[in-house]
Amino acid sequence: MLFPARLLAPWAALALLTRLVPHPPDMDEKGLVAAVPWYPLAGLAVGFCAVLLPWAGVASAYPQVQGWMYVLISLWATRGLHWDGLADVADAWGSGRQGAEFCSILKDSRIGAFGALALIAGLAVQSLLAGIACAAERWDALLLAPVAGRAAAPVLAATCLPHPDSKLGRLVIRGSSIMLALVLVCSFVAICSFVFSLAKALALTAGLTIILYGLQQIARRAGGMSGDFFGTTIVLTETVVLAACL
């Protein structure tokens, strides 16, 4: 590479997880691995874009419209990347298959009934929760949700093995570590304690731990983690954090 991977890492994280910056000119696997600790920065950029119009008062008389606005801008900023992973995992999980058959469904670009249901339910719930947060002017929670989602992916990655055929998933796992996961979890608890309360922060952490454990168990049916599971983690974590505004 023309520049050290650590200098390109924040840029690479933004380029990989958003459409807000172009891809670095000489990005390679080493750069993508170095980008993993910077995933929360990409989440902050997505959160800022998504919350900007509601915070500025656009459609302030209609909080639920603002909620849809928040979700749609987030979809635009990320190219729907993580929601695609949610749909794929839902289809594979709903099939009840294991091993190679599970992976075949996971990789199928066509969406099935379970994937469609997951997208409809997920988008509806996120929009509803975002609208509630907008009505309460909880801009801090709306910013925190995308950051927490992209912090959860490296936490999950630090505790699992990649699928032999996985490309992006393998790089995310290489870029994570138990130490990074501990730093991210402690940071999450501290920030949530400030935004909500210590009790709610601990409850969120417990709930997200259960979700991550569940995804680990589902991944075992596929023979290891792939990038789709990390996309699912991001979406589910965002939704749980937004639910804390209730």
C-alpha atoms as a PDB file:
ATOM      1  CA  MET A   1       0.000   0.000   0.000  1.00  0.00           C
ATOM      2  CA  LEU A   2       1.110   3.566  -0.599  1.00  0.00           C
ATOM      3  CA  PHE A   3       0.220   4.517   2.979  1.00  0.00           C
ATOM      4  CA  PRO A   4       0.278   2.494   6.225  1.00  0.00           C
ATOM      5  CA  ALA A   5      -2.958   0.559   6.808  1.00  0.00           C
ATOM      6  CA  ARG A   6      -3.527   2.338  10.118  1.00  0.00           C
ATOM      7  CA  LEU A   7      -3.709   5.718   8.351  1.00  0.00           C
ATOM      8  CA  LEU A   8      -6.245   4.472   5.826  1.00  0.00           C
ATOM      9  CA  ALA A   9      -8.268   2.478   8.385  1.00  0.00           C
ATOM     10  CA  PRO A  10     -10.895   5.138   9.269  1.00  0.00           C
ATOM     11  CA  TRP A  11     -11.368   5.941   5.589  1.00  0.00           C
ATOM     12  CA  ALA A  12     -11.654   2.244   4.766  1.00  0.00           C
ATOM     13  CA  ALA A  13     -14.291   1.732   7.482  1.00  0.00           C
ATOM     14  CA  LEU A  14     -16.391   4.576   6.066  1.00  0.00           C
ATOM     15  CA  ALA A  15     -15.945   3.332   2.495  1.00  0.00           C
ATOM     16  CA  LEU A  16     -16.853  -0.256   3.366  1.00  0.00           C
ATOM     17  CA  LEU A  17     -19.896   0.426   5.543  1.00  0.00           C
ATOM     18  CA  THR A  18     -21.246   3.589   3.899  1.00  0.00           C
ATOM     19  CA  ARG A  19     -21.442   5.375   0.563  1.00  0.00           C
ATOM     20  CA  LEU A  20     -20.243   8.639   2.103  1.00  0.00           C
ATOM     21  CA  VAL A  21     -16.631   8.412   0.869  1.00  0.00           C
ATOM     22  CA  PRO A  22     -14.981   6.700  -2.139  1.00  0.00           C
ATOM     23  CA  HIS A  23     -12.955   3.559  -1.651  1.00  0.00           C
ATOM     24  CA  PRO A  24      -9.251   4.175  -0.942  1.00  0.00           C
ATOM     25  CA  PRO A  25      -7.217   3.851  -4.143  1.00  0.00           C
ATOM     26  CA  ASP A  26      -5.014   1.000  -2.942  1.00  0.00           C
ATOM     27  CA  MET A  27      -7.133  -0.854  -0.413  1.00  0.00           C
ATOM     28  CA  ASP A  28      -6.236  -4.489   0.225  1.00  0.00           C
ATOM     29  CA  GLU A  29      -7.137  -7.129   2.807  1.00  0.00           C
ATOM     30  CA  LYS A  30      -4.717  -5.693   5.342  1.00  0.00           C
ATOM     31  CA  GLY A  31      -6.493  -2.347   5.131  1.00  0.00           C
ATOM     32  CA  LEU A  32      -9.923  -3.945   5.560  1.00  0.00           C
ATOM     33  CA  VAL A  33      -8.704  -5.815   8.633  1.00  0.00           C
ATOM     34  CA  ALA A  34      -7.268  -2.602  10.113  1.00  0.00           C
ATOM     35  CA  ALA A  35     -10.611  -0.868   9.514  1.00  0.00           C
ATOM     36  CA  VAL A  36     -12.565  -3.088  11.924  1.00  0.00           C
ATOM     37  CA  PRO A  37     -11.860  -1.074  15.139  1.00  0.00           C
ATOM     38  CA  TRP A  38     -13.114   2.015  13.282  1.00  0.00           C
ATOM     39  CA  TYR A  39     -16.564   0.594  12.519  1.00  0.00           C
ATOM     40  CA  PRO A  40     -18.202   2.732  15.259  1.00  0.00           C
ATOM     41  CA  LEU A  41     -16.868   5.834  13.460  1.00  0.00           C
ATOM     42  CA  ALA A  42     -18.802   4.766  10.370  1.00  0.00           C
ATOM     43  CA  GLY A  43     -21.851   4.354  12.591  1.00  0.00           C
ATOM     44  CA  LEU A  44     -21.429   7.896  13.889  1.00  0.00           C
ATOM     45  CA  ALA A  45     -21.332   9.207  10.318  1.00  0.00           C
ATOM     46  CA  VAL A  46     -24.492   7.276   9.427  1.00  0.00           C
ATOM     47  CA  GLY A  47     -26.239   8.480  12.581  1.00  0.00           C
ATOM     48  CA  PHE A  48     -25.336  12.096  11.893  1.00  0.00           C
ATOM     49  CA  CYS A  49     -26.694  11.895   8.337  1.00  0.00           C
ATOM     50  CA  ALA A  50     -29.892  10.158   9.445  1.00  0.00           C
ATOM     51  CA  VAL A  51     -30.678  12.497  12.340  1.00  0.00           C
ATOM     52  CA  LEU A  52     -29.758  15.779  10.645  1.00  0.00           C
ATOM     53  CA  LEU A  53     -33.108  16.568   8.990  1.00  0.00           C
ATOM     54  CA  PRO A  54     -35.310  15.585  11.973  1.00  0.00           C
ATOM     55  CA  TRP A  55     -33.008  17.527  14.314  1.00  0.00           C
ATOM     56  CA  ALA A  56     -33.293  20.554  12.016  1.00  0.00           C
ATOM     57  CA  GLY A  57     -37.068  20.435  12.441  1.00  0.00           C
ATOM     58  CA  VAL A  58     -38.121  18.993   9.075  1.00  0.00           C
ATOM     59  CA  ALA A  59     -41.652  17.543   9.476  1.00  0.00           C
ATOM     60  CA  SER A  60     -41.463  18.310  13.202  1.00  0.00           C
ATOM     61  CA  ALA A  61     -45.267  18.187  13.467  1.00  0.00           C
ATOM     62  CA  TYR A  62     -45.210  14.545  12.338  1.00  0.00           C
ATOM     63  CA  PRO A  63     -42.722  12.516  14.428  1.00  0.00           C
ATOM     64  CA  GLN A  64     -43.577   9.267  12.670  1.00  0.00           C
ATOM     65  CA  VAL A  65     -42.692  10.841   9.340  1.00  0.00           C
ATOM     66  CA  GLN A  66     -39.402  11.856  10.920  1.00  0.00           C
ATOM     67  CA  GLY A  67     -38.946   8.248  12.022  1.00  0.00           C
ATOM     68  CA  TRP A  68     -39.340   7.017   8.461  1.00  0.00           C
ATOM     69  CA  MET A  69     -37.031   9.803   7.301  1.00  0.00           C
ATOM     70  CA  TYR A  70     -34.370   8.645   9.782  1.00  0.00           C
ATOM     71  CA  VAL A  71     -34.559   5.029   8.605  1.00  0.00           C
ATOM     72  CA  LEU A  72     -34.668   5.847   4.891  1.00  0.00           C
ATOM     73  CA  ILE A  73     -31.638   8.145   5.105  1.00  0.00           C
ATOM     74  CA  SER A  74     -29.798   5.417   6.988  1.00  0.00           C
ATOM     75  CA  LEU A  75     -30.695   2.957   4.236  1.00  0.00           C
ATOM     76  CA  TRP A  76     -29.415   5.371   1.621  1.00  0.00           C
ATOM     77  CA  ALA A  77     -26.167   6.056   3.499  1.00  0.00           C
ATOM     78  CA  THR A  78     -25.396   2.341   3.881  1.00  0.00           C
ATOM     79  CA  ARG A  79     -26.820   1.133   0.529  1.00  0.00           C
ATOM     80  CA  GLY A  80     -29.046  -1.208   2.572  1.00  0.00           C
ATOM     81  CA  LEU A  81     -25.987  -3.385   3.142  1.00  0.00           C
ATOM     82  CA  HIS A  82     -26.877  -4.620   6.619  1.00  0.00           C
ATOM     83  CA  TRP A  83     -30.549  -5.189   5.883  1.00  0.00           C
ATOM     84  CA  ASP A  84     -29.538  -7.484   3.043  1.00  0.00           C
ATOM     85  CA  GLY A  85     -27.661  -9.563   5.611  1.00  0.00           C
ATOM     86  CA  LEU A  86     -30.739  -9.675   7.872  1.00  0.00           C
ATOM     87  CA  ALA A  87     -32.904 -10.951   5.008  1.00  0.00           C
ATOM     88  CA  ASP A  88     -30.363 -13.631   4.053  1.00  0.00           C
ATOM     89  CA  VAL A  89     -29.977 -14.901   7.626  1.00  0.00           C
ATOM     90  CA  ALA A  90     -33.756 -14.912   8.140  1.00  0.00           C
ATOM     91  CA  ASP A  91     -34.285 -16.993   5.005  1.00  0.00           C
ATOM     92  CA  ALA A  92     -31.565 -19.483   5.944  1.00  0.00           C
ATOM     93  CA  TRP A  93     -32.701 -19.734   9.571  1.00  0.00           C
ATOM     94  CA  GLY A  94     -36.351 -20.067   8.638  1.00  0.00           C
ATOM     95  CA  SER A  95     -35.590 -22.947   6.292  1.00  0.00           C
ATOM     96  CA  GLY A  96     -34.539 -25.174   9.175  1.00  0.00           C
ATOM     97  CA  ARG A  97     -31.621 -26.487   7.101  1.00  0.00           C
ATOM     98  CA  GLN A  98     -28.047 -27.015   8.297  1.00  0.00           C
ATOM     99  CA  GLY A  99     -24.552 -27.170   6.848  1.00  0.00           C
ATOM    100  CA  ALA A 100     -24.190 -26.828   3.082  1.00  0.00           C
ATOM    101  CA  GLU A 101     -27.935 -26.407   2.513  1.00  0.00           C
ATOM    102  CA  PHE A 102     -28.051 -23.568   5.079  1.00  0.00           C
ATOM    103  CA  CYS A 103     -25.115 -21.854   3.331  1.00  0.00           C
ATOM    104  CA  SER A 104     -26.724 -22.313  -0.081  1.00  0.00           C
ATOM    105  CA  ILE A 105     -29.836 -20.446   1.065  1.00  0.00           C
ATOM    106  CA  LEU A 106     -27.708 -17.832   2.842  1.00  0.00           C
ATOM    107  CA  LYS A 107     -25.825 -17.052  -0.376  1.00  0.00           C
ATOM    108  CA  ASP A 108     -28.913 -17.050  -2.621  1.00  0.00           C
ATOM    109  CA  SER A 109     -29.489 -13.492  -3.866  1.00  0.00           C
ATOM    110  CA  ARG A 110     -33.214 -14.149  -4.205  1.00  0.00           C
ATOM    111  CA  ILE A 111     -35.316 -13.195  -1.189  1.00  0.00           C
ATOM    112  CA  GLY A 112     -37.698 -15.705   0.361  1.00  0.00           C
ATOM    113  CA  ALA A 113     -40.720 -15.433   2.617  1.00  0.00           C
ATOM    114  CA  PHE A 114     -38.737 -15.287   5.862  1.00  0.00           C
ATOM    115  CA  GLY A 115     -36.386 -12.649   4.477  1.00  0.00           C
ATOM    116  CA  ALA A 116     -39.299 -10.508   3.280  1.00  0.00           C
ATOM    117  CA  LEU A 117     -41.028 -10.796   6.639  1.00  0.00           C
ATOM    118  CA  ALA A 118     -37.824  -9.862   8.458  1.00  0.00           C
ATOM    119  CA  LEU A 119     -37.378  -6.762   6.288  1.00  0.00           C
ATOM    120  CA  ILE A 120     -40.993  -5.636   6.665  1.00  0.00           C
ATOM    121  CA  ALA A 121     -41.059  -6.191  10.415  1.00  0.00           C
ATOM    122  CA  GLY A 122     -37.592  -4.726  10.982  1.00  0.00           C
ATOM    123  CA  LEU A 123     -38.186  -1.560   8.956  1.00  0.00           C
ATOM    124  CA  ALA A 124     -41.615  -1.042  10.527  1.00  0.00           C
ATOM    125  CA  VAL A 125     -40.327  -1.482  14.082  1.00  0.00           C
ATOM    126  CA  GLN A 126     -37.256   0.698  13.545  1.00  0.00           C
ATOM    127  CA  SER A 127     -39.339   3.461  11.970  1.00  0.00           C
ATOM    128  CA  LEU A 128     -41.851   3.320  14.826  1.00  0.00           C
ATOM    129  CA  LEU A 129     -39.129   3.468  17.473  1.00  0.00           C
ATOM    130  CA  ALA A 130     -37.268   6.235  15.633  1.00  0.00           C
ATOM    131  CA  GLY A 131     -40.516   8.218  15.465  1.00  0.00           C
ATOM    132  CA  ILE A 132     -40.970   7.846  19.216  1.00  0.00           C
ATOM    133  CA  ALA A 133     -37.396   9.023  19.753  1.00  0.00           C
ATOM    134  CA  CYS A 134     -37.970  12.006  17.433  1.00  0.00           C
ATOM    135  CA  ALA A 135     -41.152  12.938  19.314  1.00  0.00           C
ATOM    136  CA  ALA A 136     -39.161  12.934  22.555  1.00  0.00           C
ATOM    137  CA  GLU A 137     -36.251  14.751  20.861  1.00  0.00           C
ATOM    138  CA  ARG A 138     -33.876  11.984  21.890  1.00  0.00           C
ATOM    139  CA  TRP A 139     -31.262  12.927  19.308  1.00  0.00           C
ATOM    140  CA  ASP A 140     -28.560  11.371  21.474  1.00  0.00           C
ATOM    141  CA  ALA A 141     -30.230   7.946  21.277  1.00  0.00           C
ATOM    142  CA  LEU A 142     -30.745   8.308  17.523  1.00  0.00           C
ATOM    143  CA  LEU A 143     -27.030   8.997  17.157  1.00  0.00           C
ATOM    144  CA  LEU A 144     -26.050   6.196  19.509  1.00  0.00           C
ATOM    145  CA  ALA A 145     -28.020   3.423  17.764  1.00  0.00           C
ATOM    146  CA  PRO A 146     -25.918   3.263  14.550  1.00  0.00           C
ATOM    147  CA  VAL A 147     -22.698   3.571  16.562  1.00  0.00           C
ATOM    148  CA  ALA A 148     -23.710   0.729  18.872  1.00  0.00           C
ATOM    149  CA  GLY A 149     -24.738  -1.418  15.916  1.00  0.00           C
ATOM    150  CA  ARG A 150     -21.342  -1.138  14.289  1.00  0.00           C
ATOM    151  CA  ALA A 151     -19.580  -1.695  17.616  1.00  0.00           C
ATOM    152  CA  ALA A 152     -21.518  -4.918  18.152  1.00  0.00           C
ATOM    153  CA  ALA A 153     -20.158  -6.499  14.959  1.00  0.00           C
ATOM    154  CA  PRO A 154     -16.514  -6.633  16.176  1.00  0.00           C
ATOM    155  CA  VAL A 155     -17.737  -7.871  19.575  1.00  0.00           C
ATOM    156  CA  LEU A 156     -19.458 -10.822  17.924  1.00  0.00           C
ATOM    157  CA  ALA A 157     -16.457 -11.353  15.640  1.00  0.00           C
ATOM    158  CA  ALA A 158     -14.115 -11.694  18.618  1.00  0.00           C
ATOM    159  CA  THR A 159     -16.008 -14.734  19.893  1.00  0.00           C
ATOM    160  CA  CYS A 160     -16.469 -16.910  16.798  1.00  0.00           C
ATOM    161  CA  LEU A 161     -14.773 -18.600  13.863  1.00  0.00           C
ATOM    162  CA  PRO A 162     -15.325 -17.713  10.202  1.00  0.00           C
ATOM    163  CA  HIS A 163     -17.002 -19.938   7.681  1.00  0.00           C
ATOM    164  CA  PRO A 164     -14.354 -21.529   5.414  1.00  0.00           C
ATOM    165  CA  ASP A 165     -15.857 -19.836   2.344  1.00  0.00           C
ATOM    166  CA  SER A 166     -16.439 -16.457   3.973  1.00  0.00           C
ATOM    167  CA  LYS A 167     -14.481 -13.475   2.673  1.00  0.00           C
ATOM    168  CA  LEU A 168     -15.676 -10.330   4.449  1.00  0.00           C
ATOM    169  CA  GLY A 169     -16.630 -12.271   7.566  1.00  0.00           C
ATOM    170  CA  ARG A 170     -13.141 -13.729   7.771  1.00  0.00           C
ATOM    171  CA  LEU A 171     -11.600 -10.244   7.551  1.00  0.00           C
ATOM    172  CA  VAL A 172     -13.885  -8.855  10.257  1.00  0.00           C
ATOM    173  CA  ILE A 173     -12.916 -11.709  12.577  1.00  0.00           C
ATOM    174  CA  ARG A 174      -9.210 -11.157  11.829  1.00  0.00           C
ATOM    175  CA  GLY A 175      -9.583  -7.465  12.678  1.00  0.00           C
ATOM    176  CA  SER A 176     -11.270  -8.065  16.001  1.00  0.00           C
ATOM    177  CA  SER A 177      -9.961  -9.341  19.325  1.00  0.00           C
ATOM    178  CA  ILE A 178     -11.115 -10.001  22.859  1.00  0.00           C
ATOM    179  CA  MET A 179      -9.381  -6.795  24.004  1.00  0.00           C
ATOM    180  CA  LEU A 180     -11.178  -4.726  21.356  1.00  0.00           C
ATOM    181  CA  ALA A 181     -14.481  -6.371  22.326  1.00  0.00           C
ATOM    182  CA  LEU A 182     -13.944  -5.512  26.003  1.00  0.00           C
ATOM    183  CA  VAL A 183     -13.146  -1.886  25.149  1.00  0.00           C
ATOM    184  CA  LEU A 184     -16.254  -1.606  22.980  1.00  0.00           C
ATOM    185  CA  VAL A 185     -18.527  -3.217  25.574  1.00  0.00           C
ATOM    186  CA  CYS A 186     -17.220  -0.996  28.397  1.00  0.00           C
ATOM    187  CA  SER A 187     -17.587   2.074  26.174  1.00  0.00           C
ATOM    188  CA  PHE A 188     -21.133   1.058  25.317  1.00  0.00           C
ATOM    189  CA  VAL A 189     -22.110   0.664  28.963  1.00  0.00           C
ATOM    190  CA  ALA A 190     -20.537   4.009  29.874  1.00  0.00           C
ATOM    191  CA  ILE A 191     -22.211   5.915  27.016  1.00  0.00           C
ATOM    192  CA  CYS A 192     -25.597   4.256  27.575  1.00  0.00           C
ATOM    193  CA  SER A 193     -25.385   5.137  31.266  1.00  0.00           C
ATOM    194  CA  PHE A 194     -24.976   8.773  30.261  1.00  0.00           C
ATOM    195  CA  VAL A 195     -27.656   8.734  27.549  1.00  0.00           C
ATOM    196  CA  PHE A 196     -30.194   6.633  29.510  1.00  0.00           C
ATOM    197  CA  SER A 197     -29.285   5.283  32.946  1.00  0.00           C
ATOM    198  CA  LEU A 198     -26.956   2.673  34.418  1.00  0.00           C
ATOM    199  CA  ALA A 199     -29.823   0.240  34.957  1.00  0.00           C
ATOM    200  CA  LYS A 200     -30.995   0.600  31.369  1.00  0.00           C
ATOM    201  CA  ALA A 201     -27.414   0.307  30.112  1.00  0.00           C
ATOM    202  CA  LEU A 202     -26.979  -2.989  31.938  1.00  0.00           C
ATOM    203  CA  ALA A 203     -30.354  -4.225  30.687  1.00  0.00           C
ATOM    204  CA  LEU A 204     -29.404  -3.332  27.106  1.00  0.00           C
ATOM    205  CA  THR A 205     -26.063  -5.106  27.477  1.00  0.00           C
ATOM    206  CA  ALA A 206     -27.770  -8.230  28.815  1.00  0.00           C
ATOM    207  CA  GLY A 207     -30.328  -8.218  26.004  1.00  0.00           C
ATOM    208  CA  LEU A 208     -27.690  -7.737  23.322  1.00  0.00           C
ATOM    209  CA  THR A 209     -25.584 -10.524  24.846  1.00  0.00           C
ATOM    210  CA  ILE A 210     -28.526 -12.893  24.388  1.00  0.00           C
ATOM    211  CA  ILE A 211     -28.944 -11.766  20.762  1.00  0.00           C
ATOM    212  CA  LEU A 212     -25.257 -12.260  19.984  1.00  0.00           C
ATOM    213  CA  TYR A 213     -25.307 -15.694  21.596  1.00  0.00           C
ATOM    214  CA  GLY A 214     -28.339 -16.618  19.503  1.00  0.00           C
ATOM    215  CA  LEU A 215     -26.574 -15.552  16.316  1.00  0.00           C
ATOM    216  CA  GLN A 216     -23.564 -17.648  17.325  1.00  0.00           C
ATOM    217  CA  GLN A 217     -25.786 -20.699  17.642  1.00  0.00           C
ATOM    218  CA  ILE A 218     -27.413 -20.059  14.261  1.00  0.00           C
ATOM    219  CA  ALA A 219     -23.975 -19.627  12.659  1.00  0.00           C
ATOM    220  CA  ARG A 220     -22.995 -23.071  13.891  1.00  0.00           C
ATOM    221  CA  ARG A 221     -25.651 -24.506  11.599  1.00  0.00           C
ATOM    222  CA  ALA A 222     -23.793 -22.881   8.708  1.00  0.00           C
ATOM    223  CA  GLY A 223     -20.372 -24.056   9.842  1.00  0.00           C
ATOM    224  CA  GLY A 224     -19.105 -20.595  10.821  1.00  0.00           C
ATOM    225  CA  MET A 225     -19.698 -16.850  10.638  1.00  0.00           C
ATOM    226  CA  SER A 226     -20.123 -14.883   7.422  1.00  0.00           C
ATOM    227  CA  GLY A 227     -20.635 -11.209   6.668  1.00  0.00           C
ATOM    228  CA  ASP A 228     -24.435 -11.633   6.648  1.00  0.00           C
ATOM    229  CA  PHE A 229     -24.392 -12.360  10.370  1.00  0.00           C
ATOM    230  CA  PHE A 230     -22.556  -9.127  11.096  1.00  0.00           C
ATOM    231  CA  GLY A 231     -25.108  -7.179   9.059  1.00  0.00           C
ATOM    232  CA  THR A 232     -27.865  -8.836  11.083  1.00  0.00           C
ATOM    233  CA  THR A 233     -26.055  -7.925  14.293  1.00  0.00           C
ATOM    234  CA  ILE A 234     -25.927  -4.265  13.275  1.00  0.00           C
ATOM    235  CA  VAL A 235     -29.648  -4.067  12.477  1.00  0.00           C
ATOM    236  CA  LEU A 236     -30.765  -5.890  15.634  1.00  0.00           C
ATOM    237  CA  THR A 237     -28.496  -3.823  17.871  1.00  0.00           C
ATOM    238  CA  GLU A 238     -29.762  -0.550  16.378  1.00  0.00           C
ATOM    239  CA  THR A 239     -33.336  -1.670  16.998  1.00  0.00           C
ATOM    240  CA  VAL A 240     -32.691  -2.659  20.619  1.00  0.00           C
ATOM    241  CA  VAL A 241     -30.979   0.648  21.409  1.00  0.00           C
ATOM    242  CA  LEU A 242     -33.839   2.617  19.855  1.00  0.00           C
ATOM    243  CA  ALA A 243     -36.276   0.562  21.967  1.00  0.00           C
ATOM    244  CA  ALA A 244     -34.585   2.006  25.060  1.00  0.00           C
ATOM    245  CA  CYS A 245     -36.375   5.292  24.268  1.00  0.00           C
ATOM    246  CA  LEU A 246     -39.712   3.673  25.184  1.00  0.00           C
END
